[in-house]
C-alpha atoms as a PDB file:
ATOM      1  CA  MET A   1    -201.577  96.477-100.895  1.00  0.00           C
ATOM      2  CA  VAL A   2    -197.978  96.167-101.647  1.00  0.00           C
ATOM      3  CA  THR A   3    -196.602  98.966-103.503  1.00  0.00           C
ATOM      4  CA  SER A   4    -195.195  98.189-106.848  1.00  0.00           C
ATOM      5  CA  ILE A   5    -191.174  98.487-105.824  1.00  0.00           C
ATOM      6  CA  GLY A   6    -191.714  98.770-102.240  1.00  0.00           C
ATOM      7  CA  GLY A   7    -192.723  94.957-101.547  1.00  0.00           C
ATOM      8  CA  VAL A   8    -189.911  93.580-103.720  1.00  0.00           C
ATOM      9  CA  ARG A   9    -187.319  96.384-102.053  1.00  0.00           C
ATOM     10  CA  ASP A  10    -188.144  95.354 -98.585  1.00  0.00           C
ATOM     11  CA  LEU A  11    -187.835  91.447 -99.798  1.00  0.00           C
ATOM     12  CA  VAL A  12    -184.674  92.105-101.387  1.00  0.00           C
ATOM     13  CA  SER A  13    -183.469  94.055 -98.064  1.00  0.00           C
ATOM     14  CA  LEU A  14    -184.504  91.113 -95.973  1.00  0.00           C
ATOM     15  CA  ILE A  15    -182.475  88.760 -97.930  1.00  0.00           C
ATOM     16  CA  ARG A  16    -179.574  91.071 -98.150  1.00  0.00           C
ATOM     17  CA  GLY A  17    -179.643  91.445 -94.475  1.00  0.00           C
ATOM     18  CA  GLN A  18    -179.101  87.655 -93.782  1.00  0.00           C
ATOM     19  CA  LEU A  19    -176.428  87.483 -96.332  1.00  0.00           C
ATOM     20  CA  ALA A  20    -174.650  90.727 -95.034  1.00  0.00           C
ATOM     21  CA  PRO A  21    -172.481  88.711 -92.288  1.00  0.00           C
ATOM     22  CA  ARG A  22    -171.261  86.614 -94.750  1.00  0.00           C
ATOM     23  CA  MET A  23    -170.411  89.391 -97.037  1.00  0.00           C
ATOM     24  CA  GLN A  24    -168.324  91.734 -95.318  1.00  0.00           C
ATOM     25  CA  LYS A  25    -165.846  93.065 -98.333  1.00  0.00           C
ATOM     26  CA  ALA A  26    -167.308  96.606 -98.299  1.00  0.00           C
ATOM     27  CA  ALA A  27    -166.352  97.003 -94.263  1.00  0.00           C
ATOM     28  CA  GLN A  28    -164.192  99.995 -94.766  1.00  0.00           C
ATOM     29  CA  ALA A  29    -166.649 102.523 -95.888  1.00  0.00           C
ATOM     30  CA  PRO A  30    -168.611 104.710 -93.622  1.00  0.00           C
ATOM     31  CA  ALA A  31    -171.981 102.955 -92.334  1.00  0.00           C
ATOM     32  CA  ARG A  32    -174.072 105.920 -93.652  1.00  0.00           C
ATOM     33  CA  ALA A  33    -172.298 105.826 -97.126  1.00  0.00           C
ATOM     34  CA  ARG A  34    -172.898 101.766 -97.073  1.00  0.00           C
ATOM     35  CA  ALA A  35    -176.668 102.035 -96.422  1.00  0.00           C
ATOM     36  CA  ALA A  36    -177.342 104.931 -99.076  1.00  0.00           C
ATOM     37  CA  GLN A  37    -175.553 102.549-101.740  1.00  0.00           C
ATOM     38  CA  ALA A  38    -177.098  99.505-100.594  1.00  0.00           C
ATOM     39  CA  GLN A  39    -180.906 101.482-100.585  1.00  0.00           C
ATOM     40  CA  ARG A  40    -179.613 102.451-104.413  1.00  0.00           C
ATOM     41  CA  GLN A  41    -178.726  98.830-105.327  1.00  0.00           C
ATOM     42  CA  ASP A  42    -181.739  97.453-103.883  1.00  0.00           C
ATOM     43  CA  ASP A  43    -184.197 100.053-105.803  1.00  0.00           C
ATOM     44  CA  VAL A  44    -182.251  98.878-109.174  1.00  0.00           C
ATOM     45  CA  LEU A  45    -182.563  95.540-107.936  1.00  0.00           C
ATOM     46  CA  ALA A  46    -186.456  95.865-107.301  1.00  0.00           C
ATOM     47  CA  GLY A  47    -187.089  97.350-110.552  1.00  0.00           C
ATOM     48  CA  LEU A  48    -185.641  94.723-112.567  1.00  0.00           C
ATOM     49  CA  ILE A  49    -187.058  91.818-110.667  1.00  0.00           C
ATOM     50  CA  GLU A  50    -190.335  93.300-111.040  1.00  0.00           C
ATOM     51  CA  THR A  51    -189.974  94.200-114.767  1.00  0.00           C
ATOM     52  CA  ARG A  52    -189.081  90.426-115.035  1.00  0.00           C
ATOM     53  CA  VAL A  53    -191.979  89.241-113.410  1.00  0.00           C
ATOM     54  CA  ARG A  54    -194.471  91.582-115.318  1.00  0.00           C
ATOM     55  CA  ALA A  55    -193.320  89.475-118.400  1.00  0.00           C
ATOM     56  CA  ILE A  56    -194.511  86.302-116.877  1.00  0.00           C
ATOM     57  CA  ARG A  57    -197.947  85.325-118.127  1.00  0.00           C
ATOM     58  CA  ARG A  58    -200.973  85.238-115.942  1.00  0.00           C
ATOM     59  CA  ASP A  59    -202.144  82.436-117.273  1.00  0.00           C
ATOM     60  CA  ASP A  60    -198.934  80.337-116.562  1.00  0.00           C
ATOM     61  CA  PRO A  61    -199.300  77.397-114.336  1.00  0.00           C
ATOM     62  CA  GLN A  62    -195.824  78.008-112.993  1.00  0.00           C
ATOM     63  CA  ARG A  63    -195.712  81.700-112.798  1.00  0.00           C
ATOM     64  CA  GLY A  64    -195.313  81.636-108.811  1.00  0.00           C
ATOM     65  CA  ARG A  65    -192.330  79.299-109.428  1.00  0.00           C
ATOM     66  CA  LYS A  66    -191.002  81.517-112.345  1.00  0.00           C
ATOM     67  CA  ALA A  67    -191.239  84.675-110.154  1.00  0.00           C
ATOM     68  CA  PHE A  68    -189.171  83.172-107.311  1.00  0.00           C
ATOM     69  CA  ARG A  69    -186.851  82.062-109.797  1.00  0.00           C
ATOM     70  CA  VAL A  70    -186.471  85.557-111.255  1.00  0.00           C
ATOM     71  CA  PHE A  71    -186.214  86.954-107.328  1.00  0.00           C
ATOM     72  CA  LEU A  72    -183.366  83.783-106.495  1.00  0.00           C
ATOM     73  CA  GLU A  73    -181.332  84.805-109.981  1.00  0.00           C
ATOM     74  CA  ALA A  74    -181.410  88.433-109.353  1.00  0.00           C
ATOM     75  CA  LEU A  75    -180.318  88.372-105.829  1.00  0.00           C
ATOM     76  CA  LEU A  76    -177.538  85.764-106.208  1.00  0.00           C
ATOM     77  CA  LEU A  77    -176.047  87.568-109.567  1.00  0.00           C
ATOM     78  CA  SER A  78    -175.970  90.994-107.548  1.00  0.00           C
ATOM     79  CA  GLU A  79    -174.093  89.320-104.552  1.00  0.00           C
ATOM     80  CA  LEU A  80    -172.060  87.051-106.402  1.00  0.00           C
ATOM     81  CA  GLY A  81    -171.480  89.020-109.679  1.00  0.00           C
ATOM     82  CA  GLU A  82    -172.854  89.336-113.201  1.00  0.00           C
ATOM     83  CA  GLY A  83    -170.326  87.496-114.683  1.00  0.00           C
ATOM     84  CA  LEU A  84    -171.612  84.132-113.521  1.00  0.00           C
ATOM     85  CA  LEU A  85    -174.068  84.517-116.538  1.00  0.00           C
ATOM     86  CA  ALA A  86    -171.424  83.044-118.660  1.00  0.00           C
ATOM     87  CA  ASP A  87    -171.102  79.987-116.442  1.00  0.00           C
ATOM     88  CA  PRO A  88    -173.595  77.318-117.381  1.00  0.00           C
ATOM     89  CA  ARG A  89    -172.993  75.921-113.760  1.00  0.00           C
ATOM     90  CA  PHE A  90    -174.549  79.026-112.453  1.00  0.00           C
ATOM     91  CA  PHE A  91    -178.154  77.628-113.726  1.00  0.00           C
ATOM     92  CA  GLN A  92    -177.391  74.341-111.978  1.00  0.00           C
ATOM     93  CA  LEU A  93    -177.062  75.943-108.976  1.00  0.00           C
ATOM     94  CA  LEU A  94    -179.774  78.227-109.074  1.00  0.00           C
ATOM     95  CA  ASP A  95    -181.881  75.050-109.891  1.00  0.00           C
ATOM     96  CA  ASP A  96    -180.728  73.342-106.750  1.00  0.00           C
ATOM     97  CA  VAL A  97    -181.053  76.380-104.683  1.00  0.00           C
ATOM     98  CA  GLN A  98    -184.761  76.833-105.643  1.00  0.00           C
ATOM     99  CA  ALA A  99    -185.491  73.172-105.168  1.00  0.00           C
ATOM    100  CA  ALA A 100    -183.858  72.921-101.727  1.00  0.00           C
ATOM    101  CA  LEU A 101    -185.675  76.024-100.418  1.00  0.00           C
ATOM    102  CA  GLU A 102    -189.265  74.655-102.031  1.00  0.00           C
ATOM    103  CA  ALA A 103    -188.521  71.073-100.488  1.00  0.00           C
ATOM    104  CA  ASP A 104    -187.443  72.674 -96.946  1.00  0.00           C
ATOM    105  CA  GLU A 105    -190.464  72.305 -94.735  1.00  0.00           C
ATOM    106  CA  GLY A 106    -189.325  75.406 -92.755  1.00  0.00           C
ATOM    107  CA  SER A 107    -188.293  77.642 -95.809  1.00  0.00           C
ATOM    108  CA  ARG A 108    -191.461  76.706 -97.833  1.00  0.00           C
ATOM    109  CA  ALA A 109    -193.507  78.997 -95.877  1.00  0.00           C
ATOM    110  CA  LEU A 110    -190.992  81.920 -96.534  1.00  0.00           C
ATOM    111  CA  VAL A 111    -190.997  81.023-100.418  1.00  0.00           C
ATOM    112  CA  GLU A 112    -194.985  80.932-100.651  1.00  0.00           C
ATOM    113  CA  GLN A 113    -194.795  84.414 -99.035  1.00  0.00           C
ATOM    114  CA  ALA A 114    -192.014  85.694-101.321  1.00  0.00           C
ATOM    115  CA  ILE A 115    -194.024  84.332-104.341  1.00  0.00           C
ATOM    116  CA  GLY A 116    -197.225  86.335-102.890  1.00  0.00           C
ATOM    117  CA  GLN A 117    -195.278  89.508-102.826  1.00  0.00           C
ATOM    118  CA  LEU A 118    -193.631  88.981-105.917  1.00  0.00           C
ATOM    119  CA  LEU A 119    -196.885  88.340-107.878  1.00  0.00           C
ATOM    120  CA  ALA A 120    -198.598  91.182-106.307  1.00  0.00           C
ATOM    121  CA  THR A 121    -196.313  93.732-107.454  1.00  0.00           C
ATOM    122  CA  GLY A 122    -196.577  92.104-111.012  1.00  0.00           C
ATOM    123  CA  ALA A 123    -200.194  93.212-111.106  1.00  0.00           C
ATOM    124  CA  GLY A 124    -199.936  94.849-114.374  1.00  0.00           C
ATOM    125  CA  ASP A 125    -198.299  92.391-116.143  1.00  0.00           C
ATOM    126  CA  VAL A 126    -198.888  90.397-119.659  1.00  0.00           C
ATOM    127  CA  VAL A 127    -202.178  88.895-119.797  1.00  0.00           C
END
Protein backbone atom coordinates (compact mmCIF):
# COMPACT_ATOMS: atom_id res chain seq x y z
CA MET A 1 0.00 0.00 0.00
CA VAL A 2 1.22 3.50 -0.80
CA THR A 3 1.67 5.72 2.21
CA SER A 4 -0.31 8.90 2.15
CA ILE A 5 2.32 11.49 1.33
CA GLY A 6 5.12 9.05 0.51
CA GLY A 7 3.75 7.91 -2.84
CA VAL A 8 3.08 11.41 -4.08
CA ARG A 9 6.46 12.60 -2.74
CA ASP A 10 8.18 9.82 -4.68
CA LEU A 11 6.27 10.80 -7.82
CA VAL A 12 7.17 14.47 -7.35
CA SER A 13 10.83 13.55 -6.76
CA LEU A 14 10.90 11.43 -9.91
CA ILE A 15 9.49 14.22 -12.07
CA ARG A 16 11.77 16.82 -10.45
CA GLY A 17 14.73 14.56 -11.17
CA GLN A 18 13.80 14.48 -14.82
CA LEU A 19 13.43 18.27 -14.91
CA ALA A 20 16.60 18.98 -12.92
CA PRO A 21 19.03 19.06 -15.87
CA ARG A 22 16.95 21.86 -17.40
CA MET A 23 16.64 23.80 -14.17
CA GLN A 24 20.23 24.43 -13.05
CA LYS A 25 19.61 27.81 -11.39
CA ALA A 26 20.60 26.62 -7.89
CA ALA A 27 23.95 25.19 -8.98
CA GLN A 28 25.98 27.31 -6.52
CA ALA A 29 24.40 25.85 -3.35
CA PRO A 30 26.21 22.91 -1.73
CA ALA A 31 24.81 19.55 -2.78
CA ARG A 32 23.71 18.57 0.73
CA ALA A 33 21.82 21.83 1.28
CA ARG A 34 20.15 21.52 -2.13
CA ALA A 35 19.07 17.96 -1.35
CA ALA A 36 17.61 18.96 2.03
CA GLN A 37 15.79 21.93 0.50
CA ALA A 38 14.44 19.79 -2.33
CA GLN A 39 13.17 17.21 0.19
CA ARG A 40 11.33 19.92 2.17
CA GLN A 41 9.84 21.36 -1.02
CA ASP A 42 8.77 17.88 -2.14
CA ASP A 43 7.08 17.27 1.23
CA VAL A 44 5.15 20.55 1.04
CA LEU A 45 4.20 19.95 -2.59
CA ALA A 46 3.11 16.37 -1.87
CA GLY A 47 0.92 17.57 1.00
CA LEU A 48 -0.72 20.18 -1.18
CA ILE A 49 -1.37 17.68 -3.96
CA GLU A 50 -2.77 15.14 -1.53
CA THR A 51 -5.14 17.69 0.02
CA ARG A 52 -6.46 18.76 -3.37
CA VAL A 53 -6.87 15.18 -4.63
CA ARG A 54 -8.84 14.27 -1.51
CA ALA A 55 -11.29 17.05 -2.33
CA ILE A 56 -12.27 15.33 -5.59
CA ARG A 57 -15.47 13.38 -5.10
CA ARG A 58 -15.09 9.59 -5.32
CA ASP A 59 -18.08 9.31 -7.63
CA ASP A 60 -16.71 11.88 -10.09
CA PRO A 61 -16.27 10.08 -13.44
CA GLN A 62 -13.32 12.38 -14.23
CA ARG A 63 -11.64 11.81 -10.85
CA GLY A 64 -8.45 10.32 -12.31
CA ARG A 65 -7.99 13.07 -14.89
CA LYS A 66 -8.67 15.74 -12.28
CA ALA A 67 -6.17 14.19 -9.87
CA PHE A 68 -3.52 14.13 -12.59
CA ARG A 69 -4.29 17.74 -13.48
CA VAL A 70 -3.85 18.74 -9.82
CA PHE A 71 -0.48 17.00 -9.88
CA LEU A 72 0.63 18.66 -13.13
CA GLU A 73 -0.54 22.09 -12.03
CA ALA A 74 1.25 21.90 -8.69
CA LEU A 75 4.45 20.60 -10.25
CA LEU A 76 4.54 23.20 -13.04
CA LEU A 77 3.82 26.05 -10.63
CA SER A 78 6.51 24.77 -8.30
CA GLU A 79 9.06 24.70 -11.11
CA LEU A 80 8.01 27.78 -13.05
CA GLY A 81 6.68 30.06 -10.29
CA GLU A 82 3.29 30.62 -8.73
CA GLY A 83 3.01 33.97 -10.48
CA LEU A 84 1.72 32.02 -13.47
CA LEU A 85 -1.62 31.62 -11.70
CA ALA A 86 -2.41 35.16 -12.80
CA ASP A 87 -1.74 34.32 -16.44
CA PRO A 88 -4.73 32.74 -18.20
CA ARG A 89 -2.33 31.25 -20.75
CA PHE A 90 -0.93 29.05 -17.99
CA PHE A 91 -4.18 27.12 -17.85
CA GLN A 92 -4.11 26.63 -21.62
CA LEU A 93 -0.54 25.37 -21.27
CA LEU A 94 -1.73 23.00 -18.55
CA ASP A 95 -4.53 21.73 -20.81
CA ASP A 96 -2.07 21.23 -23.66
CA VAL A 97 0.51 19.39 -21.53
CA GLN A 98 -2.10 17.08 -20.03
CA ALA A 99 -3.66 16.34 -23.43
CA ALA A 100 -0.25 15.62 -24.94
CA LEU A 101 0.72 13.26 -22.12
CA GLU A 102 -2.60 11.42 -22.28
CA ALA A 103 -2.46 11.12 -26.08
CA ASP A 104 1.15 9.94 -26.29
CA GLU A 105 1.30 6.15 -26.35
CA GLY A 106 4.63 6.11 -24.52
CA SER A 107 3.41 8.42 -21.75
CA ARG A 108 -0.05 6.94 -21.28
CA ALA A 109 1.14 4.11 -19.02
CA LEU A 110 3.05 6.57 -16.85
CA VAL A 111 -0.01 8.81 -16.61
CA GLU A 112 -2.14 5.86 -15.55
CA GLN A 113 0.48 4.82 -12.98
CA ALA A 114 0.57 8.38 -11.62
CA ILE A 115 -3.23 8.46 -11.41
CA GLY A 116 -3.19 5.17 -9.51
CA GLN A 117 -0.72 6.55 -6.98
CA LEU A 118 -2.56 9.84 -6.64
CA LEU A 119 -5.91 8.14 -6.04
CA ALA A 120 -4.36 5.65 -3.60
CA THR A 121 -3.10 8.56 -1.51
CA GLY A 122 -6.51 10.19 -1.57
CA ALA A 123 -8.25 7.25 0.13
CA GLY A 124 -9.83 9.48 2.77
CA ASP A 125 -11.38 11.87 0.28
CA VAL A 126 -14.89 13.30 0.01
CA VAL A 127 -17.57 10.67 -0.57
